[in-house]
């Protein structure tokens, strides 16, 4: 639900606030969501954390694609956006793998998810 809402509002947010601020906003969601999951004490907090992660991912996926296609030279535009989407899908695979590896320590796994948002 968060990713769906993120993609719906991302275009308008990028037009109103600019691409850079929209990407920073998505990074804030992608940083805070895993921290909320890490410290969650109830199922409601887990839902909030997952929603924020989805929201950040939806905004980031749309706005970064737009930014890359606008900033890239025309001869490599498709390759650049394709590589970006490949990297996003690779991140999903890595997060699933980390879920398997850190099965017994789910809180640590959620805390690790905040690290990429800092970059």
PDB file of N, CA and C in Angstrom:
ATOM      1  N   UNK A   1       0.825  -1.199   0.000  1.00  0.00           N
ATOM      2  CA  UNK A   1       0.000   0.000   0.000  1.00  0.00           C
ATOM      3  C   UNK A   1       0.867   1.261   0.000  1.00  0.00           C
ATOM      4  N   UNK A   2       1.962   1.216   0.754  1.00  0.00           N
ATOM      5  CA  UNK A   2       2.835   2.381   0.807  1.00  0.00           C
ATOM      6  C   UNK A   2       3.485   2.669  -0.529  1.00  0.00           C
ATOM      7  N   UNK A   3       3.947   1.630  -1.208  1.00  0.00           N
ATOM      8  CA  UNK A   3       4.588   1.819  -2.515  1.00  0.00           C
ATOM      9  C   UNK A   3       3.584   2.332  -3.543  1.00  0.00           C
ATOM     10  N   UNK A   4       2.362   1.830  -3.489  1.00  0.00           N
ATOM     11  CA  UNK A   4       1.330   2.293  -4.417  1.00  0.00           C
ATOM     12  C   UNK A   4       1.031   3.775  -4.180  1.00  0.00           C
ATOM     13  N   UNK A   5       0.882   4.160  -2.919  1.00  0.00           N
ATOM     14  CA  UNK A   5       0.635   5.566  -2.611  1.00  0.00           C
ATOM     15  C   UNK A   5       1.843   6.423  -2.975  1.00  0.00           C
ATOM     16  N   UNK A   6       3.044   5.905  -2.724  1.00  0.00           N
ATOM     17  CA  UNK A   6       4.264   6.641  -3.054  1.00  0.00           C
ATOM     18  C   UNK A   6       4.365   6.955  -4.527  1.00  0.00           C
ATOM     19  N   UNK A   7       4.030   5.985  -5.375  1.00  0.00           N
ATOM     20  CA  UNK A   7       4.107   6.243  -6.812  1.00  0.00           C
ATOM     21  C   UNK A   7       3.015   7.206  -7.271  1.00  0.00           C
ATOM     22  N   UNK A   8       1.879   7.206  -6.575  1.00  0.00           N
ATOM     23  CA  UNK A   8       0.804   8.134  -6.945  1.00  0.00           C
ATOM     24  C   UNK A   8       1.158   9.582  -6.620  1.00  0.00           C
ATOM     25  N   UNK A   9       1.834   9.820  -5.504  1.00  0.00           N
ATOM     26  CA  UNK A   9       2.141  11.191  -5.098  1.00  0.00           C
ATOM     27  C   UNK A   9       3.518  11.657  -5.550  1.00  0.00           C
ATOM     28  N   UNK A  10       4.363  10.747  -6.022  1.00  0.00           N
ATOM     29  CA  UNK A  10       5.750  11.085  -6.341  1.00  0.00           C
ATOM     30  C   UNK A  10       5.872  12.106  -7.464  1.00  0.00           C
ATOM     31  N   UNK A  11       5.109  11.940  -8.518  1.00  0.00           N
ATOM     32  CA  UNK A  11       5.191  12.869  -9.644  1.00  0.00           C
ATOM     33  C   UNK A  11       4.817  14.282  -9.245  1.00  0.00           C
ATOM     34  N   UNK A  12       3.732  14.410  -8.495  1.00  0.00           N
ATOM     35  CA  UNK A  12       3.310  15.739  -8.032  1.00  0.00           C
ATOM     36  C   UNK A  12       4.310  16.324  -7.058  1.00  0.00           C
ATOM     37  N   UNK A  13       4.827  15.499  -6.152  1.00  0.00           N
ATOM     38  CA  UNK A  13       5.824  15.980  -5.186  1.00  0.00           C
ATOM     39  C   UNK A  13       7.086  16.448  -5.894  1.00  0.00           C
ATOM     40  N   UNK A  14       7.502  15.718  -6.927  1.00  0.00           N
ATOM     41  CA  UNK A  14       8.697  16.110  -7.678  1.00  0.00           C
ATOM     42  C   UNK A  14       8.464  17.411  -8.429  1.00  0.00           C
ATOM     43  N   UNK A  15       7.259  17.612  -8.958  1.00  0.00           N
ATOM     44  CA  UNK A  15       6.951  18.858  -9.665  1.00  0.00           C
ATOM     45  C   UNK A  15       6.885  20.047  -8.715  1.00  0.00           C
ATOM     46  N   UNK A  16       6.305  19.834  -7.546  1.00  0.00           N
ATOM     47  CA  UNK A  16       6.128  20.927  -6.587  1.00  0.00           C
ATOM     48  C   UNK A  16       7.434  21.271  -5.870  1.00  0.00           C
ATOM     49  N   UNK A  17       8.113  20.251  -5.340  1.00  0.00           N
ATOM     50  CA  UNK A  17       9.291  20.481  -4.505  1.00  0.00           C
ATOM     51  C   UNK A  17      10.613  20.318  -5.243  1.00  0.00           C
ATOM     52  N   UNK A  18      10.582  19.696  -6.408  1.00  0.00           N
ATOM     53  CA  UNK A  18      11.795  19.415  -7.161  1.00  0.00           C
ATOM     54  C   UNK A  18      12.232  17.977  -6.963  1.00  0.00           C
ATOM     55  N   UNK A  19      13.011  17.497  -7.923  1.00  0.00           N
ATOM     56  CA  UNK A  19      13.448  16.097  -7.894  1.00  0.00           C
ATOM     57  C   UNK A  19      14.318  15.789  -6.682  1.00  0.00           C
ATOM     58  N   UNK A  20      15.263  16.675  -6.401  1.00  0.00           N
ATOM     59  CA  UNK A  20      16.213  16.417  -5.304  1.00  0.00           C
ATOM     60  C   UNK A  20      15.494  16.323  -3.958  1.00  0.00           C
ATOM     61  N   UNK A  21      14.585  17.240  -3.677  1.00  0.00           N
ATOM     62  CA  UNK A  21      13.866  17.211  -2.397  1.00  0.00           C
ATOM     63  C   UNK A  21      12.947  15.998  -2.296  1.00  0.00           C
ATOM     64  N   UNK A  22      12.369  15.579  -3.416  1.00  0.00           N
ATOM     65  CA  UNK A  22      11.521  14.378  -3.403  1.00  0.00           C
ATOM     66  C   UNK A  22      12.365  13.136  -3.111  1.00  0.00           C
ATOM     67  N   UNK A  23      13.569  13.080  -3.672  1.00  0.00           N
ATOM     68  CA  UNK A  23      14.457  11.945  -3.398  1.00  0.00           C
ATOM     69  C   UNK A  23      14.900  11.959  -1.941  1.00  0.00           C
ATOM     70  N   UNK A  24      15.201  13.131  -1.403  1.00  0.00           N
ATOM     71  CA  UNK A  24      15.579  13.236   0.010  1.00  0.00           C
ATOM     72  C   UNK A  24      14.409  12.804   0.902  1.00  0.00           C
ATOM     73  N   UNK A  25      13.199  13.191   0.543  1.00  0.00           N
ATOM     74  CA  UNK A  25      12.021  12.770   1.299  1.00  0.00           C
ATOM     75  C   UNK A  25      11.895  11.240   1.294  1.00  0.00           C
ATOM     76  N   UNK A  26      12.102  10.628   0.130  1.00  0.00           N
ATOM     77  CA  UNK A  26      12.017   9.168   0.068  1.00  0.00           C
ATOM     78  C   UNK A  26      13.114   8.530   0.910  1.00  0.00           C
ATOM     79  N   UNK A  27      14.298   9.136   0.933  1.00  0.00           N
ATOM     80  CA  UNK A  27      15.379   8.607   1.770  1.00  0.00           C
ATOM     81  C   UNK A  27      15.036   8.699   3.255  1.00  0.00           C
ATOM     82  N   UNK A  28      14.350   9.751   3.636  1.00  0.00           N
ATOM     83  CA  UNK A  28      13.929   9.871   5.046  1.00  0.00           C
ATOM     84  C   UNK A  28      12.975   8.732   5.408  1.00  0.00           C
ATOM     85  N   UNK A  29      12.016   8.449   4.506  1.00  0.00           N
ATOM     86  CA  UNK A  29      11.100   7.332   4.745  1.00  0.00           C
ATOM     87  C   UNK A  29      11.855   6.006   4.790  1.00  0.00           C
ATOM     88  N   UNK A  30      12.820   5.846   3.876  1.00  0.00           N
ATOM     89  CA  UNK A  30      13.588   4.600   3.815  1.00  0.00           C
ATOM     90  C   UNK A  30      14.563   4.455   4.980  1.00  0.00           C
ATOM     91  N   UNK A  31      14.873   5.538   5.657  1.00  0.00           N
ATOM     92  CA  UNK A  31      15.717   5.478   6.856  1.00  0.00           C
ATOM     93  C   UNK A  31      14.864   5.229   8.104  1.00  0.00           C
ATOM     94  N   UNK A  32      13.752   5.943   8.215  1.00  0.00           N
ATOM     95  CA  UNK A  32      12.923   5.847   9.423  1.00  0.00           C
ATOM     96  C   UNK A  32      12.104   4.553   9.485  1.00  0.00           C
ATOM     97  N   UNK A  33      11.646   4.067   8.339  1.00  0.00           N
ATOM     98  CA  UNK A  33      10.833   2.847   8.328  1.00  0.00           C
ATOM     99  C   UNK A  33      11.517   1.659   8.973  1.00  0.00           C
ATOM    100  N   UNK A  34      12.748   1.309   8.561  1.00  0.00           N
ATOM    101  CA  UNK A  34      13.425   0.181   9.210  1.00  0.00           C
ATOM    102  C   UNK A  34      13.720   0.425  10.686  1.00  0.00           C
ATOM    103  N   UNK A  35      13.988   1.668  11.064  1.00  0.00           N
ATOM    104  CA  UNK A  35      14.229   1.949  12.482  1.00  0.00           C
ATOM    105  C   UNK A  35      12.972   1.720  13.308  1.00  0.00           C
ATOM    106  N   UNK A  36      11.826   2.090  12.752  1.00  0.00           N
ATOM    107  CA  UNK A  36      10.557   1.827  13.451  1.00  0.00           C
ATOM    108  C   UNK A  36      10.341   0.320  13.575  1.00  0.00           C
ATOM    109  N   UNK A  37      10.651  -0.420  12.503  1.00  0.00           N
ATOM    110  CA  UNK A  37      10.531  -1.881  12.569  1.00  0.00           C
ATOM    111  C   UNK A  37      11.468  -2.467  13.619  1.00  0.00           C
ATOM    112  N   UNK A  38      12.665  -1.938  13.679  1.00  0.00           N
ATOM    113  CA  UNK A  38      13.674  -2.425  14.628  1.00  0.00           C
ATOM    114  C   UNK A  38      13.207  -2.237  16.068  1.00  0.00           C
ATOM    115  N   UNK A  39      12.571  -1.103  16.351  1.00  0.00           N
ATOM    116  CA  UNK A  39      12.161  -0.783  17.723  1.00  0.00           C
ATOM    117  C   UNK A  39      10.696  -1.120  18.001  1.00  0.00           C
ATOM    118  N   UNK A  40      10.036  -1.759  17.054  1.00  0.00           N
ATOM    119  CA  UNK A  40       8.598  -2.000  17.176  1.00  0.00           C
ATOM    120  C   UNK A  40       8.259  -2.826  18.414  1.00  0.00           C
ATOM    121  N   UNK A  41       7.219  -2.375  19.088  1.00  0.00           N
ATOM    122  CA  UNK A  41       6.728  -3.095  20.255  1.00  0.00           C
ATOM    123  C   UNK A  41       5.326  -3.624  20.050  1.00  0.00           C
ATOM    124  N   UNK A  42       4.749  -3.319  18.893  1.00  0.00           N
ATOM    125  CA  UNK A  42       3.397  -3.787  18.608  1.00  0.00           C
ATOM    126  C   UNK A  42       3.256  -4.066  17.114  1.00  0.00           C
ATOM    127  N   UNK A  43       2.211  -4.752  16.762  1.00  0.00           N
ATOM    128  CA  UNK A  43       1.947  -5.061  15.361  1.00  0.00           C
ATOM    129  C   UNK A  43       1.639  -3.786  14.586  1.00  0.00           C
ATOM    130  N   UNK A  44       0.993  -2.810  15.237  1.00  0.00           N
ATOM    131  CA  UNK A  44       0.685  -1.546  14.583  1.00  0.00           C
ATOM    132  C   UNK A  44       1.964  -0.819  14.176  1.00  0.00           C
ATOM    133  N   UNK A  45       2.980  -0.829  15.027  1.00  0.00           N
ATOM    134  CA  UNK A  45       4.255  -0.197  14.694  1.00  0.00           C
ATOM    135  C   UNK A  45       4.944  -0.913  13.532  1.00  0.00           C
ATOM    136  N   UNK A  46       4.790  -2.227  13.455  1.00  0.00           N
ATOM    137  CA  UNK A  46       5.328  -2.965  12.313  1.00  0.00           C
ATOM    138  C   UNK A  46       4.633  -2.546  11.017  1.00  0.00           C
ATOM    139  N   UNK A  47       3.324  -2.352  11.081  1.00  0.00           N
ATOM    140  CA  UNK A  47       2.587  -1.888   9.903  1.00  0.00           C
ATOM    141  C   UNK A  47       3.044  -0.494   9.477  1.00  0.00           C
ATOM    142  N   UNK A  48       3.244   0.386  10.446  1.00  0.00           N
ATOM    143  CA  UNK A  48       3.691   1.753  10.142  1.00  0.00           C
ATOM    144  C   UNK A  48       5.072   1.722   9.487  1.00  0.00           C
ATOM    145  N   UNK A  49       5.978   0.940  10.044  1.00  0.00           N
ATOM    146  CA  UNK A  49       7.322   0.840   9.481  1.00  0.00           C
ATOM    147  C   UNK A  49       7.307   0.304   8.067  1.00  0.00           C
ATOM    148  N   UNK A  50       6.531  -0.750   7.818  1.00  0.00           N
ATOM    149  CA  UNK A  50       6.434  -1.316   6.467  1.00  0.00           C
ATOM    150  C   UNK A  50       5.793  -0.330   5.499  1.00  0.00           C
ATOM    151  N   UNK A  51       4.804   0.414   5.979  1.00  0.00           N
ATOM    152  CA  UNK A  51       4.157   1.416   5.132  1.00  0.00           C
ATOM    153  C   UNK A  51       5.158   2.498   4.729  1.00  0.00           C
ATOM    154  N   UNK A  52       5.960   2.977   5.682  1.00  0.00           N
ATOM    155  CA  UNK A  52       6.945   4.019   5.375  1.00  0.00           C
ATOM    156  C   UNK A  52       8.007   3.520   4.397  1.00  0.00           C
ATOM    157  N   UNK A  53       8.427   2.280   4.547  1.00  0.00           N
ATOM    158  CA  UNK A  53       9.389   1.709   3.604  1.00  0.00           C
ATOM    159  C   UNK A  53       8.775   1.651   2.204  1.00  0.00           C
ATOM    160  N   UNK A  54       7.555   1.198   2.109  1.00  0.00           N
ATOM    161  CA  UNK A  54       6.886   1.149   0.813  1.00  0.00           C
ATOM    162  C   UNK A  54       6.706   2.533   0.212  1.00  0.00           C
ATOM    163  N   UNK A  55       6.323   3.492   1.037  1.00  0.00           N
ATOM    164  CA  UNK A  55       6.156   4.867   0.577  1.00  0.00           C
ATOM    165  C   UNK A  55       7.466   5.417   0.028  1.00  0.00           C
ATOM    166  N   UNK A  56       8.540   5.228   0.774  1.00  0.00           N
ATOM    167  CA  UNK A  56       9.850   5.698   0.329  1.00  0.00           C
ATOM    168  C   UNK A  56      10.303   5.009  -0.937  1.00  0.00           C
ATOM    169  N   UNK A  57      10.076   3.704  -1.029  1.00  0.00           N
ATOM    170  CA  UNK A  57      10.488   2.954  -2.214  1.00  0.00           C
ATOM    171  C   UNK A  57       9.692   3.382  -3.436  1.00  0.00           C
ATOM    172  N   UNK A  58       8.390   3.589  -3.275  1.00  0.00           N
ATOM    173  CA  UNK A  58       7.558   4.028  -4.399  1.00  0.00           C
ATOM    174  C   UNK A  58       7.967   5.395  -4.915  1.00  0.00           C
ATOM    175  N   UNK A  59       8.219   6.331  -4.001  1.00  0.00           N
ATOM    176  CA  UNK A  59       8.663   7.670  -4.405  1.00  0.00           C
ATOM    177  C   UNK A  59      10.015   7.582  -5.090  1.00  0.00           C
ATOM    178  N   UNK A  60      10.931   6.857  -4.466  1.00  0.00           N
ATOM    179  CA  UNK A  60      12.294   6.757  -4.993  1.00  0.00           C
ATOM    180  C   UNK A  60      12.307   6.118  -6.372  1.00  0.00           C
ATOM    181  N   UNK A  61      11.577   5.059  -6.551  1.00  0.00           N
ATOM    182  CA  UNK A  61      11.584   4.355  -7.834  1.00  0.00           C
ATOM    183  C   UNK A  61      11.100   5.253  -8.960  1.00  0.00           C
ATOM    184  N   UNK A  62      10.060   6.022  -8.722  1.00  0.00           N
ATOM    185  CA  UNK A  62       9.519   6.877  -9.768  1.00  0.00           C
ATOM    186  C   UNK A  62      10.394   8.104 -10.012  1.00  0.00           C
ATOM    187  N   UNK A  63      10.750   8.812  -8.946  1.00  0.00           N
ATOM    188  CA  UNK A  63      11.471  10.074  -9.107  1.00  0.00           C
ATOM    189  C   UNK A  63      12.887   9.843  -9.626  1.00  0.00           C
ATOM    190  N   UNK A  64      13.569   8.818  -9.138  1.00  0.00           N
ATOM    191  CA  UNK A  64      14.923   8.538  -9.628  1.00  0.00           C
ATOM    192  C   UNK A  64      14.901   8.136 -11.096  1.00  0.00           C
ATOM    193  N   UNK A  65      13.887   7.410 -11.516  1.00  0.00           N
ATOM    194  CA  UNK A  65      13.775   7.053 -12.928  1.00  0.00           C
ATOM    195  C   UNK A  65      13.606   8.298 -13.794  1.00  0.00           C
ATOM    196  N   UNK A  66      12.759   9.208 -13.347  1.00  0.00           N
ATOM    197  CA  UNK A  66      12.555  10.464 -14.081  1.00  0.00           C
ATOM    198  C   UNK A  66      13.849  11.263 -14.120  1.00  0.00           C
ATOM    199  N   UNK A  67      14.488  11.399 -12.983  1.00  0.00           N
ATOM    200  CA  UNK A  67      15.724  12.190 -12.904  1.00  0.00           C
ATOM    201  C   UNK A  67      16.813  11.600 -13.795  1.00  0.00           C
ATOM    202  N   UNK A  68      16.990  10.276 -13.733  1.00  0.00           N
ATOM    203  CA  UNK A  68      18.013   9.642 -14.564  1.00  0.00           C
ATOM    204  C   UNK A  68      17.720   9.806 -16.053  1.00  0.00           C
ATOM    205  N   UNK A  69      16.462   9.678 -16.438  1.00  0.00           N
ATOM    206  CA  UNK A  69      16.136   9.812 -17.861  1.00  0.00           C
ATOM    207  C   UNK A  69      16.308  11.252 -18.336  1.00  0.00           C
ATOM    208  N   UNK A  70      16.093  12.228 -17.455  1.00  0.00           N
ATOM    209  CA  UNK A  70      16.292  13.630 -17.836  1.00  0.00           C
ATOM    210  C   UNK A  70      17.767  14.000 -17.889  1.00  0.00           C
ATOM    211  N   UNK A  71      18.559  13.448 -16.996  1.00  0.00           N
ATOM    212  CA  UNK A  71      19.964  13.843 -16.877  1.00  0.00           C
ATOM    213  C   UNK A  71      20.903  13.049 -17.782  1.00  0.00           C
ATOM    214  N   UNK A  72      20.461  11.903 -18.288  1.00  0.00           N
ATOM    215  CA  UNK A  72      21.329  11.038 -19.086  1.00  0.00           C
ATOM    216  C   UNK A  72      21.380  11.497 -20.539  1.00  0.00           C
ATOM    217  N   UNK A  73      22.531  11.310 -21.181  1.00  0.00           N
ATOM    218  CA  UNK A  73      22.597  11.560 -22.621  1.00  0.00           C
ATOM    219  C   UNK A  73      21.659  10.611 -23.359  1.00  0.00           C
ATOM    220  N   UNK A  74      21.102  11.058 -24.455  1.00  0.00           N
ATOM    221  CA  UNK A  74      20.084  10.262 -25.159  1.00  0.00           C
ATOM    222  C   UNK A  74      20.595   8.904 -25.610  1.00  0.00           C
ATOM    223  N   UNK A  75      21.868   8.792 -25.957  1.00  0.00           N
ATOM    224  CA  UNK A  75      22.370   7.516 -26.464  1.00  0.00           C
ATOM    225  C   UNK A  75      22.492   6.435 -25.388  1.00  0.00           C
ATOM    226  N   UNK A  76      22.516   6.803 -24.101  1.00  0.00           N
ATOM    227  CA  UNK A  76      22.617   5.788 -23.037  1.00  0.00           C
ATOM    228  C   UNK A  76      21.461   5.866 -22.043  1.00  0.00           C
ATOM    229  N   UNK A  77      20.458   6.641 -22.371  1.00  0.00           N
ATOM    230  CA  UNK A  77      19.328   6.848 -21.454  1.00  0.00           C
ATOM    231  C   UNK A  77      18.645   5.542 -21.061  1.00  0.00           C
ATOM    232  N   UNK A  78      18.353   4.702 -22.015  1.00  0.00           N
ATOM    233  CA  UNK A  78      17.692   3.424 -21.723  1.00  0.00           C
ATOM    234  C   UNK A  78      18.551   2.508 -20.881  1.00  0.00           C
ATOM    235  N   UNK A  79      19.844   2.476 -21.166  1.00  0.00           N
ATOM    236  CA  UNK A  79      20.756   1.628 -20.386  1.00  0.00           C
ATOM    237  C   UNK A  79      20.845   2.095 -18.940  1.00  0.00           C
ATOM    238  N   UNK A  80      20.933   3.393 -18.745  1.00  0.00           N
ATOM    239  CA  UNK A  80      21.055   3.938 -17.381  1.00  0.00           C
ATOM    240  C   UNK A  80      19.810   3.621 -16.560  1.00  0.00           C
ATOM    241  N   UNK A  81      18.635   3.868 -17.120  1.00  0.00           N
ATOM    242  CA  UNK A  81      17.416   3.574 -16.352  1.00  0.00           C
ATOM    243  C   UNK A  81      17.231   2.071 -16.168  1.00  0.00           C
ATOM    244  N   UNK A  82      17.641   1.279 -17.144  1.00  0.00           N
ATOM    245  CA  UNK A  82      17.574  -0.175 -17.001  1.00  0.00           C
ATOM    246  C   UNK A  82      18.479  -0.677 -15.885  1.00  0.00           C
ATOM    247  N   UNK A  83      19.685  -0.126 -15.817  1.00  0.00           N
ATOM    248  CA  UNK A  83      20.619  -0.507 -14.747  1.00  0.00           C
ATOM    249  C   UNK A  83      20.058  -0.109 -13.384  1.00  0.00           C
ATOM    250  N   UNK A  84      19.425   1.059 -13.321  1.00  0.00           N
ATOM    251  CA  UNK A  84      18.821   1.500 -12.060  1.00  0.00           C
ATOM    252  C   UNK A  84      17.740   0.511 -11.602  1.00  0.00           C
ATOM    253  N   UNK A  85      16.880   0.110 -12.508  1.00  0.00           N
ATOM    254  CA  UNK A  85      15.816  -0.824 -12.132  1.00  0.00           C
ATOM    255  C   UNK A  85      16.377  -2.202 -11.807  1.00  0.00           C
ATOM    256  N   UNK A  86      17.432  -2.609 -12.499  1.00  0.00           N
ATOM    257  CA  UNK A  86      18.095  -3.864 -12.163  1.00  0.00           C
ATOM    258  C   UNK A  86      18.662  -3.800 -10.742  1.00  0.00           C
ATOM    259  N   UNK A  87      19.265  -2.660 -10.387  1.00  0.00           N
ATOM    260  CA  UNK A  87      19.815  -2.490  -9.037  1.00  0.00           C
ATOM    261  C   UNK A  87      18.698  -2.524  -7.986  1.00  0.00           C
ATOM    262  N   UNK A  88      17.561  -1.911  -8.292  1.00  0.00           N
ATOM    263  CA  UNK A  88      16.433  -1.930  -7.351  1.00  0.00           C
ATOM    264  C   UNK A  88      15.936  -3.352  -7.133  1.00  0.00           C
ATOM    265  N   UNK A  89      15.811  -4.111  -8.197  1.00  0.00           N
ATOM    266  CA  UNK A  89      15.366  -5.498  -8.060  1.00  0.00           C
ATOM    267  C   UNK A  89      16.419  -6.355  -7.359  1.00  0.00           C
ATOM    268  N   UNK A  90      17.681  -6.063  -7.588  1.00  0.00           N
ATOM    269  CA  UNK A  90      18.747  -6.777  -6.873  1.00  0.00           C
ATOM    270  C   UNK A  90      18.661  -6.495  -5.377  1.00  0.00           C
ATOM    271  N   UNK A  91      18.312  -5.273  -5.013  1.00  0.00           N
ATOM    272  CA  UNK A  91      18.131  -4.933  -3.606  1.00  0.00           C
ATOM    273  C   UNK A  91      16.990  -5.711  -2.977  1.00  0.00           C
ATOM    274  N   UNK A  92      15.920  -5.915  -3.731  1.00  0.00           N
ATOM    275  CA  UNK A  92      14.805  -6.715  -3.222  1.00  0.00           C
ATOM    276  C   UNK A  92      15.257  -8.157  -2.984  1.00  0.00           C
ATOM    277  N   UNK A  93      16.036  -8.689  -3.910  1.00  0.00           N
ATOM    278  CA  UNK A  93      16.550 -10.055  -3.748  1.00  0.00           C
ATOM    279  C   UNK A  93      17.477 -10.133  -2.537  1.00  0.00           C
ATOM    280  N   UNK A  94      18.348  -9.129  -2.361  1.00  0.00           N
ATOM    281  CA  UNK A  94      19.255  -9.117  -1.209  1.00  0.00           C
ATOM    282  C   UNK A  94      18.499  -9.008   0.105  1.00  0.00           C
ATOM    283  N   UNK A  95      17.435  -8.217   0.118  1.00  0.00           N
ATOM    284  CA  UNK A  95      16.665  -8.097   1.357  1.00  0.00           C
ATOM    285  C   UNK A  95      15.963  -9.413   1.697  1.00  0.00           C
ATOM    286  N   UNK A  96      15.491 -10.114   0.688  1.00  0.00           N
ATOM    287  CA  UNK A  96      14.893 -11.428   0.928  1.00  0.00           C
ATOM    288  C   UNK A  96      15.936 -12.405   1.445  1.00  0.00           C
ATOM    289  N   UNK A  97      17.128 -12.365   0.864  1.00  0.00           N
ATOM    290  CA  UNK A  97      18.216 -13.231   1.309  1.00  0.00           C
ATOM    291  C   UNK A  97      18.618 -12.911   2.741  1.00  0.00           C
ATOM    292  N   UNK A  98      18.676 -11.618   3.080  1.00  0.00           N
ATOM    293  CA  UNK A  98      19.036 -11.263   4.457  1.00  0.00           C
ATOM    294  C   UNK A  98      17.967 -11.735   5.431  1.00  0.00           C
ATOM    295  N   UNK A  99      16.728 -11.777   4.988  1.00  0.00           N
ATOM    296  CA  UNK A  99      15.666 -12.322   5.829  1.00  0.00           C
ATOM    297  C   UNK A  99      15.869 -13.782   6.143  1.00  0.00           C
ATOM    298  N   UNK A 100      16.422 -14.509   5.188  1.00  0.00           N
ATOM    299  CA  UNK A 100      16.716 -15.923   5.408  1.00  0.00           C
ATOM    300  C   UNK A 100      17.927 -16.076   6.322  1.00  0.00           C
ATOM    301  N   UNK A 101      18.969 -15.271   6.072  1.00  0.00           N
ATOM    302  CA  UNK A 101      20.213 -15.365   6.848  1.00  0.00           C
ATOM    303  C   UNK A 101      19.998 -14.952   8.298  1.00  0.00           C
ATOM    304  N   UNK A 102      19.271 -13.854   8.523  1.00  0.00           N
ATOM    305  CA  UNK A 102      19.064 -13.328   9.877  1.00  0.00           C
ATOM    306  C   UNK A 102      17.701 -13.732  10.432  1.00  0.00           C
ATOM    307  N   UNK A 103      17.266 -14.921  10.119  1.00  0.00           N
ATOM    308  CA  UNK A 103      15.940 -15.373  10.515  1.00  0.00           C
ATOM    309  C   UNK A 103      15.707 -15.289  12.023  1.00  0.00           C
ATOM    310  N   UNK A 104      16.706 -15.607  12.801  1.00  0.00           N
ATOM    311  CA  UNK A 104      16.537 -15.598  14.248  1.00  0.00           C
ATOM    312  C   UNK A 104      16.633 -14.222  14.874  1.00  0.00           C
ATOM    313  N   UNK A 105      17.207 -13.255  14.166  1.00  0.00           N
ATOM    314  CA  UNK A 105      17.400 -11.906  14.713  1.00  0.00           C
ATOM    315  C   UNK A 105      16.755 -10.881  13.783  1.00  0.00           C
ATOM    316  N   UNK A 106      15.438 -10.870  13.747  1.00  0.00           N
ATOM    317  CA  UNK A 106      14.721 -10.004  12.831  1.00  0.00           C
ATOM    318  C   UNK A 106      14.940  -8.527  13.123  1.00  0.00           C
ATOM    319  N   UNK A 107      15.148  -8.157  14.389  1.00  0.00           N
ATOM    320  CA  UNK A 107      15.353  -6.751  14.719  1.00  0.00           C
ATOM    321  C   UNK A 107      16.653  -6.238  14.103  1.00  0.00           C
ATOM    322  N   UNK A 108      17.711  -7.041  14.147  1.00  0.00           N
ATOM    323  CA  UNK A 108      18.985  -6.658  13.538  1.00  0.00           C
ATOM    324  C   UNK A 108      18.833  -6.524  12.019  1.00  0.00           C
ATOM    325  N   UNK A 109      18.068  -7.418  11.417  1.00  0.00           N
ATOM    326  CA  UNK A 109      17.841  -7.359   9.983  1.00  0.00           C
ATOM    327  C   UNK A 109      17.161  -6.050   9.595  1.00  0.00           C
ATOM    328  N   UNK A 110      16.167  -5.633  10.371  1.00  0.00           N
ATOM    329  CA  UNK A 110      15.472  -4.369  10.089  1.00  0.00           C
ATOM    330  C   UNK A 110      16.406  -3.177  10.285  1.00  0.00           C
ATOM    331  N   UNK A 111      17.265  -3.222  11.295  1.00  0.00           N
ATOM    332  CA  UNK A 111      18.214  -2.138  11.527  1.00  0.00           C
ATOM    333  C   UNK A 111      19.176  -2.011  10.354  1.00  0.00           C
ATOM    334  N   UNK A 112      19.618  -3.120   9.790  1.00  0.00           N
ATOM    335  CA  UNK A 112      20.528  -3.094   8.636  1.00  0.00           C
ATOM    336  C   UNK A 112      19.871  -2.407   7.426  1.00  0.00           C
ATOM    337  N   UNK A 113      18.579  -2.473   7.321  1.00  0.00           N
ATOM    338  CA  UNK A 113      17.887  -1.899   6.183  1.00  0.00           C
ATOM    339  C   UNK A 113      17.984  -0.383   6.134  1.00  0.00           C
ATOM    340  N   UNK A 114      18.331   0.271   7.220  1.00  0.00           N
ATOM    341  CA  UNK A 114      18.477   1.727   7.230  1.00  0.00           C
ATOM    342  C   UNK A 114      19.787   2.189   6.612  1.00  0.00           C
ATOM    343  N   UNK A 115      20.775   1.321   6.542  1.00  0.00           N
ATOM    344  CA  UNK A 115      22.106   1.712   6.082  1.00  0.00           C
ATOM    345  C   UNK A 115      22.111   2.242   4.642  1.00  0.00           C
ATOM    346  N   UNK A 116      21.483   1.574   3.665  1.00  0.00           N
ATOM    347  CA  UNK A 116      21.535   2.104   2.303  1.00  0.00           C
ATOM    348  C   UNK A 116      20.928   3.493   2.148  1.00  0.00           C
ATOM    349  N   UNK A 117      19.966   3.844   2.992  1.00  0.00           N
ATOM    350  CA  UNK A 117      19.338   5.161   2.892  1.00  0.00           C
ATOM    351  C   UNK A 117      20.286   6.279   3.311  1.00  0.00           C
ATOM    352  N   UNK A 118      21.344   5.956   4.016  1.00  0.00           N
ATOM    353  CA  UNK A 118      22.297   6.975   4.460  1.00  0.00           C
ATOM    354  C   UNK A 118      23.245   7.417   3.341  1.00  0.00           C
ATOM    355  N   UNK A 119      23.350   6.621   2.273  1.00  0.00           N
ATOM    356  CA  UNK A 119      24.303   6.894   1.207  1.00  0.00           C
ATOM    357  C   UNK A 119      23.905   7.901   0.242  1.00  0.00           C
TER     358      UNK A 119
END
